[in-house]
Amino acid sequence: IIAIVSSIIKGSNYRTPNMAMPISPFK
């Protein structure tokens, strides 16, 4: 989770509109 948080923030500026993030809630 910590790795994903760091990664999605780091890649935020390269994210195009409607591009999904690897966030998966408790299923």
PDB file of all heavy atoms in Angstrom:
ATOM      1  N   ILE A   1       0.830  -1.202   0.000  1.00  0.00           N
ATOM      2  CA  ILE A   1       0.000   0.000   0.000  1.00  0.00           C
ATOM      3  C   ILE A   1       0.865   1.254   0.000  1.00  0.00           C
ATOM      4  O   ILE A   1       0.621   2.199  -0.757  1.00  0.00           O
ATOM      5  CB  ILE A   1      -0.955  -0.012   1.209  1.00  0.00           C
ATOM      6  CG1 ILE A   1      -2.014  -1.101   1.032  1.00  0.00           C
ATOM      7  CG2 ILE A   1      -1.620   1.348   1.394  1.00  0.00           C
ATOM      8  CD1 ILE A   1      -2.805  -1.391   2.299  1.00  0.00           C
ATOM      9  N   ILE A   2       1.891   1.275   0.851  1.00  0.00           N
ATOM     10  CA  ILE A   2       2.788   2.431   0.902  1.00  0.00           C
ATOM     11  C   ILE A   2       3.490   2.614  -0.438  1.00  0.00           C
ATOM     12  O   ILE A   2       3.638   3.739  -0.928  1.00  0.00           O
ATOM     13  CB  ILE A   2       3.806   2.269   2.047  1.00  0.00           C
ATOM     14  CG1 ILE A   2       3.076   2.218   3.395  1.00  0.00           C
ATOM     15  CG2 ILE A   2       4.821   3.415   2.035  1.00  0.00           C
ATOM     16  CD1 ILE A   2       3.983   1.902   4.571  1.00  0.00           C
ATOM     17  N   ALA A   3       3.902   1.513  -1.056  1.00  0.00           N
ATOM     18  CA  ALA A   3       4.554   1.576  -2.363  1.00  0.00           C
ATOM     19  C   ALA A   3       3.605   2.124  -3.419  1.00  0.00           C
ATOM     20  O   ALA A   3       3.998   2.945  -4.267  1.00  0.00           O
ATOM     21  CB  ALA A   3       5.064   0.194  -2.767  1.00  0.00           C
ATOM     22  N   ILE A   4       2.344   1.689  -3.395  1.00  0.00           N
ATOM     23  CA  ILE A   4       1.357   2.161  -4.362  1.00  0.00           C
ATOM     24  C   ILE A   4       1.084   3.645  -4.177  1.00  0.00           C
ATOM     25  O   ILE A   4       1.012   4.405  -5.156  1.00  0.00           O
ATOM     26  CB  ILE A   4       0.057   1.338  -4.252  1.00  0.00           C
ATOM     27  CG1 ILE A   4       0.294  -0.084  -4.762  1.00  0.00           C
ATOM     28  CG2 ILE A   4      -1.081   2.007  -5.029  1.00  0.00           C
ATOM     29  CD1 ILE A   4      -0.875  -1.028  -4.514  1.00  0.00           C
ATOM     30  N   VAL A   5       0.923   4.086  -2.935  1.00  0.00           N
ATOM     31  CA  VAL A   5       0.697   5.501  -2.654  1.00  0.00           C
ATOM     32  C   VAL A   5       1.836   6.350  -3.214  1.00  0.00           C
ATOM     33  O   VAL A   5       1.613   7.353  -3.888  1.00  0.00           O
ATOM     34  CB  VAL A   5       0.534   5.740  -1.139  1.00  0.00           C
ATOM     35  CG1 VAL A   5       0.607   7.238  -0.812  1.00  0.00           C
ATOM     36  CG2 VAL A   5      -0.789   5.169  -0.649  1.00  0.00           C
ATOM     37  N   SER A   6       3.059   5.937  -2.951  1.00  0.00           N
ATOM     38  CA  SER A   6       4.216   6.662  -3.459  1.00  0.00           C
ATOM     39  C   SER A   6       4.222   6.688  -4.985  1.00  0.00           C
ATOM     40  O   SER A   6       4.477   7.713  -5.615  1.00  0.00           O
ATOM     41  CB  SER A   6       5.506   6.018  -2.937  1.00  0.00           C
ATOM     42  OG  SER A   6       6.646   6.650  -3.473  1.00  0.00           O
ATOM     43  N   SER A   7       3.899   5.543  -5.587  1.00  0.00           N
ATOM     44  CA  SER A   7       3.947   5.413  -7.043  1.00  0.00           C
ATOM     45  C   SER A   7       2.885   6.261  -7.745  1.00  0.00           C
ATOM     46  O   SER A   7       3.173   6.920  -8.745  1.00  0.00           O
ATOM     47  CB  SER A   7       3.777   3.942  -7.430  1.00  0.00           C
ATOM     48  OG  SER A   7       3.725   3.776  -8.818  1.00  0.00           O
ATOM     49  N   ILE A   8       1.657   6.254  -7.216  1.00  0.00           N
ATOM     50  CA  ILE A   8       0.593   6.989  -7.908  1.00  0.00           C
ATOM     51  C   ILE A   8       0.773   8.491  -7.775  1.00  0.00           C
ATOM     52  O   ILE A   8       0.381   9.256  -8.658  1.00  0.00           O
ATOM     53  CB  ILE A   8      -0.815   6.553  -7.441  1.00  0.00           C
ATOM     54  CG1 ILE A   8      -1.017   6.805  -5.949  1.00  0.00           C
ATOM     55  CG2 ILE A   8      -1.084   5.109  -7.797  1.00  0.00           C
ATOM     56  CD1 ILE A   8      -2.432   6.463  -5.466  1.00  0.00           C
ATOM     57  N   ILE A   9       1.393   8.929  -6.674  1.00  0.00           N
ATOM     58  CA  ILE A   9       1.698  10.352  -6.526  1.00  0.00           C
ATOM     59  C   ILE A   9       2.847  10.740  -7.463  1.00  0.00           C
ATOM     60  O   ILE A   9       2.794  11.766  -8.137  1.00  0.00           O
ATOM     61  CB  ILE A   9       2.023  10.694  -5.065  1.00  0.00           C
ATOM     62  CG1 ILE A   9       0.770  10.531  -4.198  1.00  0.00           C
ATOM     63  CG2 ILE A   9       2.558  12.127  -4.946  1.00  0.00           C
ATOM     64  CD1 ILE A   9       1.026  10.668  -2.709  1.00  0.00           C
ATOM     65  N   LYS A  10       3.860   9.888  -7.533  1.00  0.00           N
ATOM     66  CA  LYS A  10       5.009  10.154  -8.401  1.00  0.00           C
ATOM     67  C   LYS A  10       4.593  10.215  -9.868  1.00  0.00           C
ATOM     68  O   LYS A  10       5.115  11.023 -10.642  1.00  0.00           O
ATOM     69  CB  LYS A  10       6.083   9.081  -8.192  1.00  0.00           C
ATOM     70  CG  LYS A  10       7.403   9.398  -8.865  1.00  0.00           C
ATOM     71  CD  LYS A  10       8.476   8.392  -8.455  1.00  0.00           C
ATOM     72  CE  LYS A  10       9.843   8.811  -8.994  1.00  0.00           C
ATOM     73  NZ  LYS A  10      10.917   7.899  -8.492  1.00  0.00           N
ATOM     74  N   GLY A  11       3.659   9.352 -10.264  1.00  0.00           N
ATOM     75  CA  GLY A  11       3.228   9.318 -11.663  1.00  0.00           C
ATOM     76  C   GLY A  11       2.057  10.224 -11.981  1.00  0.00           C
ATOM     77  O   GLY A  11       1.558  10.225 -13.111  1.00  0.00           O
ATOM     78  N   SER A  12       1.614  11.010 -11.023  1.00  0.00           N
ATOM     79  CA  SER A  12       0.417  11.823 -11.187  1.00  0.00           C
ATOM     80  C   SER A  12       0.509  12.784 -12.361  1.00  0.00           C
ATOM     81  O   SER A  12      -0.445  12.933 -13.137  1.00  0.00           O
ATOM     82  CB  SER A  12       0.132  12.600  -9.901  1.00  0.00           C
ATOM     83  OG  SER A  12      -0.995  13.454 -10.046  1.00  0.00           O
ATOM     84  N   ASN A  13       1.647  13.440 -12.536  1.00  0.00           N
ATOM     85  CA  ASN A  13       1.797  14.442 -13.590  1.00  0.00           C
ATOM     86  C   ASN A  13       1.798  13.848 -14.991  1.00  0.00           C
ATOM     87  O   ASN A  13       1.665  14.589 -15.972  1.00  0.00           O
ATOM     88  CB  ASN A  13       3.067  15.258 -13.350  1.00  0.00           C
ATOM     89  CG  ASN A  13       2.965  16.157 -12.119  1.00  0.00           C
ATOM     90  OD1 ASN A  13       1.935  16.772 -11.864  1.00  0.00           O
ATOM     91  ND2 ASN A  13       4.031  16.217 -11.324  1.00  0.00           N
ATOM     92  N   TYR A  14       1.955  12.537 -15.084  1.00  0.00           N
ATOM     93  CA  TYR A  14       1.958  11.875 -16.384  1.00  0.00           C
ATOM     94  C   TYR A  14       0.622  11.180 -16.674  1.00  0.00           C
ATOM     95  O   TYR A  14       0.468  10.564 -17.723  1.00  0.00           O
ATOM     96  CB  TYR A  14       3.083  10.841 -16.442  1.00  0.00           C
ATOM     97  CG  TYR A  14       4.444  11.424 -16.127  1.00  0.00           C
ATOM     98  CD1 TYR A  14       4.997  11.285 -14.855  1.00  0.00           C
ATOM     99  CD2 TYR A  14       5.159  12.130 -17.076  1.00  0.00           C
ATOM    100  CE1 TYR A  14       6.232  11.824 -14.552  1.00  0.00           C
ATOM    101  CE2 TYR A  14       6.392  12.678 -16.787  1.00  0.00           C
ATOM    102  CZ  TYR A  14       6.927  12.522 -15.514  1.00  0.00           C
ATOM    103  OH  TYR A  14       8.161  13.061 -15.221  1.00  0.00           O
ATOM    104  N   ARG A  15      -0.324  11.330 -15.750  1.00  0.00           N
ATOM    105  CA  ARG A  15      -1.587  10.617 -15.887  1.00  0.00           C
ATOM    106  C   ARG A  15      -2.529  11.408 -16.804  1.00  0.00           C
ATOM    107  O   ARG A  15      -2.780  12.596 -16.596  1.00  0.00           O
ATOM    108  CB  ARG A  15      -2.230  10.418 -14.509  1.00  0.00           C
ATOM    109  CG  ARG A  15      -3.354   9.372 -14.483  1.00  0.00           C
ATOM    110  CD  ARG A  15      -3.740   9.018 -13.039  1.00  0.00           C
ATOM    111  NE  ARG A  15      -2.610   8.402 -12.360  1.00  0.00           N
ATOM    112  CZ  ARG A  15      -2.072   8.867 -11.253  1.00  0.00           C
ATOM    113  NH1 ARG A  15      -2.535   9.960 -10.677  1.00  0.00           N
ATOM    114  NH2 ARG A  15      -1.041   8.245 -10.700  1.00  0.00           N
ATOM    115  N   THR A  16      -3.056  10.755 -17.817  1.00  0.00           N
ATOM    116  CA  THR A  16      -4.004  11.388 -18.717  1.00  0.00           C
ATOM    117  C   THR A  16      -5.414  11.282 -18.148  1.00  0.00           C
ATOM    118  O   THR A  16      -5.681  10.427 -17.298  1.00  0.00           O
ATOM    119  CB  THR A  16      -3.962  10.730 -20.100  1.00  0.00           C
ATOM    120  OG1 THR A  16      -4.244   9.327 -19.971  1.00  0.00           O
ATOM    121  CG2 THR A  16      -2.584  10.900 -20.744  1.00  0.00           C
ATOM    122  N   PRO A  17      -6.345  12.137 -18.595  1.00  0.00           N
ATOM    123  CA  PRO A  17      -7.722  12.042 -18.100  1.00  0.00           C
ATOM    124  C   PRO A  17      -8.310  10.650 -18.328  1.00  0.00           C
ATOM    125  O   PRO A  17      -8.092  10.025 -19.361  1.00  0.00           O
ATOM    126  CB  PRO A  17      -8.460  13.094 -18.943  1.00  0.00           C
ATOM    127  CG  PRO A  17      -7.402  14.077 -19.317  1.00  0.00           C
ATOM    128  CD  PRO A  17      -6.149  13.287 -19.505  1.00  0.00           C
ATOM    129  N   ASN A  18      -9.024  10.168 -17.317  1.00  0.00           N
ATOM    130  CA  ASN A  18      -9.675   8.844 -17.352  1.00  0.00           C
ATOM    131  C   ASN A  18      -8.714   7.673 -17.234  1.00  0.00           C
ATOM    132  O   ASN A  18      -9.138   6.515 -17.331  1.00  0.00           O
ATOM    133  CB  ASN A  18     -10.526   8.680 -18.618  1.00  0.00           C
ATOM    134  CG  ASN A  18     -11.613   9.735 -18.725  1.00  0.00           C
ATOM    135  OD1 ASN A  18     -12.280  10.067 -17.742  1.00  0.00           O
ATOM    136  ND2 ASN A  18     -11.798  10.283 -19.929  1.00  0.00           N
ATOM    137  N   MET A  19      -7.431   7.934 -17.028  1.00  0.00           N
ATOM    138  CA  MET A  19      -6.479   6.850 -16.789  1.00  0.00           C
ATOM    139  C   MET A  19      -6.652   6.354 -15.361  1.00  0.00           C
ATOM    140  O   MET A  19      -6.609   7.131 -14.411  1.00  0.00           O
ATOM    141  CB  MET A  19      -5.041   7.311 -17.013  1.00  0.00           C
ATOM    142  CG  MET A  19      -3.991   6.205 -16.824  1.00  0.00           C
ATOM    143  SD  MET A  19      -2.295   6.811 -17.018  1.00  0.00           S
ATOM    144  CE  MET A  19      -2.277   7.091 -18.788  1.00  0.00           C
ATOM    145  N   ALA A  20      -6.862   5.047 -15.202  1.00  0.00           N
ATOM    146  CA  ALA A  20      -7.159   4.479 -13.892  1.00  0.00           C
ATOM    147  C   ALA A  20      -5.919   4.394 -13.011  1.00  0.00           C
ATOM    148  O   ALA A  20      -4.797   4.259 -13.499  1.00  0.00           O
ATOM    149  CB  ALA A  20      -7.782   3.101 -14.048  1.00  0.00           C
ATOM    150  N   MET A  21      -6.162   4.464 -11.698  1.00  0.00           N
ATOM    151  CA  MET A  21      -5.113   4.270 -10.698  1.00  0.00           C
ATOM    152  C   MET A  21      -5.284   2.903 -10.047  1.00  0.00           C
ATOM    153  O   MET A  21      -6.409   2.401  -9.928  1.00  0.00           O
ATOM    154  CB  MET A  21      -5.187   5.372  -9.633  1.00  0.00           C
ATOM    155  CG  MET A  21      -4.907   6.758 -10.152  1.00  0.00           C
ATOM    156  SD  MET A  21      -5.068   8.032  -8.866  1.00  0.00           S
ATOM    157  CE  MET A  21      -6.871   8.129  -8.709  1.00  0.00           C
ATOM    158  N   PRO A  22      -4.191   2.276  -9.607  1.00  0.00           N
ATOM    159  CA  PRO A  22      -4.284   0.939  -9.002  1.00  0.00           C
ATOM    160  C   PRO A  22      -4.769   0.966  -7.553  1.00  0.00           C
ATOM    161  O   PRO A  22      -4.079   0.538  -6.633  1.00  0.00           O
ATOM    162  CB  PRO A  22      -2.841   0.417  -9.103  1.00  0.00           C
ATOM    163  CG  PRO A  22      -1.999   1.656  -9.000  1.00  0.00           C
ATOM    164  CD  PRO A  22      -2.787   2.729  -9.731  1.00  0.00           C
ATOM    165  N   ILE A  23      -5.977   1.478  -7.359  1.00  0.00           N
ATOM    166  CA  ILE A  23      -6.567   1.540  -6.022  1.00  0.00           C
ATOM    167  C   ILE A  23      -7.685   0.512  -5.945  1.00  0.00           C
ATOM    168  O   ILE A  23      -8.633   0.543  -6.726  1.00  0.00           O
ATOM    169  CB  ILE A  23      -7.083   2.950  -5.710  1.00  0.00           C
ATOM    170  CG1 ILE A  23      -5.897   3.913  -5.580  1.00  0.00           C
ATOM    171  CG2 ILE A  23      -7.913   2.946  -4.428  1.00  0.00           C
ATOM    172  CD1 ILE A  23      -6.280   5.334  -5.260  1.00  0.00           C
ATOM    173  N   SER A  24      -7.559  -0.401  -4.999  1.00  0.00           N
ATOM    174  CA  SER A  24      -8.501  -1.502  -4.862  1.00  0.00           C
ATOM    175  C   SER A  24      -9.062  -1.535  -3.455  1.00  0.00           C
ATOM    176  O   SER A  24      -8.350  -1.859  -2.499  1.00  0.00           O
ATOM    177  CB  SER A  24      -7.801  -2.836  -5.171  1.00  0.00           C
ATOM    178  OG  SER A  24      -8.690  -3.922  -5.038  1.00  0.00           O
ATOM    179  N   PRO A  25     -10.326  -1.209  -3.255  1.00  0.00           N
ATOM    180  CA  PRO A  25     -10.918  -1.210  -1.913  1.00  0.00           C
ATOM    181  C   PRO A  25     -11.083  -2.623  -1.375  1.00  0.00           C
ATOM    182  O   PRO A  25     -10.945  -3.611  -2.107  1.00  0.00           O
ATOM    183  CB  PRO A  25     -12.281  -0.550  -2.127  1.00  0.00           C
ATOM    184  CG  PRO A  25     -12.616  -0.846  -3.562  1.00  0.00           C
ATOM    185  CD  PRO A  25     -11.303  -0.823  -4.293  1.00  0.00           C
ATOM    186  N   PHE A  26     -11.382  -2.712  -0.082  1.00  0.00           N
ATOM    187  CA  PHE A  26     -11.640  -3.997   0.553  1.00  0.00           C
ATOM    188  C   PHE A  26     -12.851  -4.646  -0.108  1.00  0.00           C
ATOM    189  O   PHE A  26     -13.953  -4.075  -0.116  1.00  0.00           O
ATOM    190  CB  PHE A  26     -11.879  -3.786   2.046  1.00  0.00           C
ATOM    191  CG  PHE A  26     -12.082  -5.052   2.830  1.00  0.00           C
ATOM    192  CD1 PHE A  26     -11.010  -5.869   3.135  1.00  0.00           C
ATOM    193  CD2 PHE A  26     -13.344  -5.424   3.265  1.00  0.00           C
ATOM    194  CE1 PHE A  26     -11.194  -7.036   3.869  1.00  0.00           C
ATOM    195  CE2 PHE A  26     -13.532  -6.588   3.996  1.00  0.00           C
ATOM    196  CZ  PHE A  26     -12.459  -7.392   4.292  1.00  0.00           C
ATOM    197  N   LYS A  27     -12.664  -5.838  -0.660  1.00  0.00           N
ATOM    198  CA  LYS A  27     -13.677  -6.446  -1.509  1.00  0.00           C
ATOM    199  C   LYS A  27     -14.608  -7.410  -0.795  1.00  0.00           C
ATOM    200  O   LYS A  27     -15.594  -7.868  -1.374  1.00  0.00           O
ATOM    201  CB  LYS A  27     -13.005  -7.174  -2.677  1.00  0.00           C
ATOM    202  CG  LYS A  27     -12.266  -6.261  -3.634  1.00  0.00           C
ATOM    203  CD  LYS A  27     -11.641  -7.032  -4.768  1.00  0.00           C
ATOM    204  CE  LYS A  27     -10.941  -6.094  -5.745  1.00  0.00           C
ATOM    205  NZ  LYS A  27     -10.313  -6.846  -6.867  1.00  0.00           N
TER     206      LYS A  27
END
